[in-house]
Structure formats: C-alpha cells, structure tokens
Amino acid sequence: MKKALNIVSQRAKEIDPGQWVFVLGGWNEQQFADTPGGFTTEELDAAAPENPMFIQKSYSKAYMNSLAEQELA
C-alpha cells in the first residue's frame, strides 16, 4: 500500500493545489503485500494535503480524503 500512496502523492505534487486526484479502478485491496486492505482518511490526507482525492474501489464504493468529503458535502 505504501507504493500506491506514494504514486497518488506524487500525482498530487504535479498538479495545482485544489485540483482533484482521481484513481478510477484498476486495483484491488488484496494486491498490497505490505498492508492488505483499504485506505484510511488520514493516509489519504497525508498523501494529498492540498488536493481532494477520490479512489474508486468499485461502482458503489470509494475512498476519499477530507478535502474530497468537504467538497462533496
């Protein structure tokens, strides 16, 4: 999972603050050898502190950081 968080963190650094970071499928929670499972809000907040982040798990489930939750509230 650390590698995935590093990838989305790097993407957030490449774009302007406030722009969305999207991951739309193409992964599953069991593929992470270091820490199988989903992402916590805190992990996503740390990965993209200035960008809303939306990571789609399936058609009906997604992980979001605090900024994304605020934007969609």
Protein backbone atom coordinates (compact mmCIF):
# COMPACT_ATOMS: atom_id res chain seq x y z
CA MET A 1 0.00 0.00 0.00
CA LYS A 2 2.94 2.35 0.59
CA LYS A 3 3.80 2.29 -3.10
CA ALA A 4 0.21 3.16 -4.04
CA LEU A 5 0.18 6.05 -1.57
CA ASN A 6 3.50 7.28 -2.98
CA ILE A 7 2.07 7.20 -6.51
CA VAL A 8 -1.01 9.26 -5.64
CA SER A 9 1.09 11.60 -3.50
CA GLN A 10 3.43 12.22 -6.43
CA ARG A 11 0.45 12.95 -8.68
CA ALA A 12 -0.86 15.48 -6.16
CA LYS A 13 2.52 17.25 -6.21
CA GLU A 14 2.40 17.50 -10.01
CA ILE A 15 -0.90 19.39 -10.11
CA ASP A 16 -2.09 22.64 -8.59
CA PRO A 17 -3.48 22.72 -5.05
CA GLY A 18 -7.23 22.23 -5.09
CA GLN A 19 -7.25 20.08 -8.22
CA TRP A 20 -8.70 16.61 -7.82
CA VAL A 21 -6.64 13.42 -7.78
CA PHE A 22 -8.70 10.56 -9.23
CA VAL A 23 -7.99 6.83 -9.32
CA LEU A 24 -10.78 5.15 -11.23
CA GLY A 25 -10.48 1.41 -10.70
CA GLY A 26 -7.75 -0.92 -11.88
CA TRP A 27 -6.72 -2.17 -8.42
CA ASN A 28 -7.96 -4.24 -5.50
CA GLU A 29 -7.26 -4.16 -1.79
CA GLN A 30 -5.69 -7.62 -1.72
CA GLN A 31 -2.85 -6.73 -4.09
CA PHE A 32 -0.95 -4.83 -1.40
CA ALA A 33 1.64 -7.19 0.05
CA ASP A 34 2.79 -4.78 2.77
CA THR A 35 -0.63 -3.86 4.20
CA PRO A 36 -3.63 -5.54 2.58
CA GLY A 37 -6.81 -3.53 2.96
CA GLY A 38 -8.20 -0.14 2.17
CA PHE A 39 -7.00 3.37 2.76
CA THR A 40 -7.77 5.46 5.80
CA THR A 41 -8.80 9.09 5.55
CA GLU A 42 -5.67 10.01 7.48
CA GLU A 43 -3.41 8.21 4.99
CA LEU A 44 -5.07 9.97 2.07
CA ASP A 45 -4.93 13.34 3.86
CA ALA A 46 -1.18 12.88 4.33
CA ALA A 47 -0.71 11.79 0.70
CA ALA A 48 -2.54 14.82 -0.73
CA PRO A 49 -2.92 17.51 1.92
CA GLU A 50 -3.81 20.24 -0.60
CA ASN A 51 -5.86 18.23 -3.10
CA PRO A 52 -9.19 16.43 -2.89
CA MET A 53 -8.60 12.73 -3.59
CA PHE A 54 -11.09 10.13 -4.85
CA ILE A 55 -10.01 6.48 -5.20
CA GLN A 56 -12.70 4.27 -6.71
CA LYS A 57 -12.85 0.75 -5.33
CA SER A 58 -15.96 -0.40 -7.19
CA TYR A 59 -19.06 1.10 -8.76
CA SER A 60 -20.55 1.76 -5.33
CA LYS A 61 -17.52 2.26 -3.04
CA ALA A 62 -14.69 4.76 -2.98
CA TYR A 63 -12.07 6.13 -0.62
CA MET A 64 -11.76 9.89 -0.19
CA ASN A 65 -9.62 12.24 1.81
CA SER A 66 -11.06 15.01 3.99
CA LEU A 67 -10.90 17.65 1.26
CA ALA A 68 -12.93 15.46 -1.09
CA GLU A 69 -15.51 14.77 1.62
CA GLN A 70 -15.82 18.52 2.26
CA GLU A 71 -16.23 19.27 -1.45
CA LEU A 72 -18.99 16.68 -1.82
CA ALA A 73 -20.85 17.58 1.39
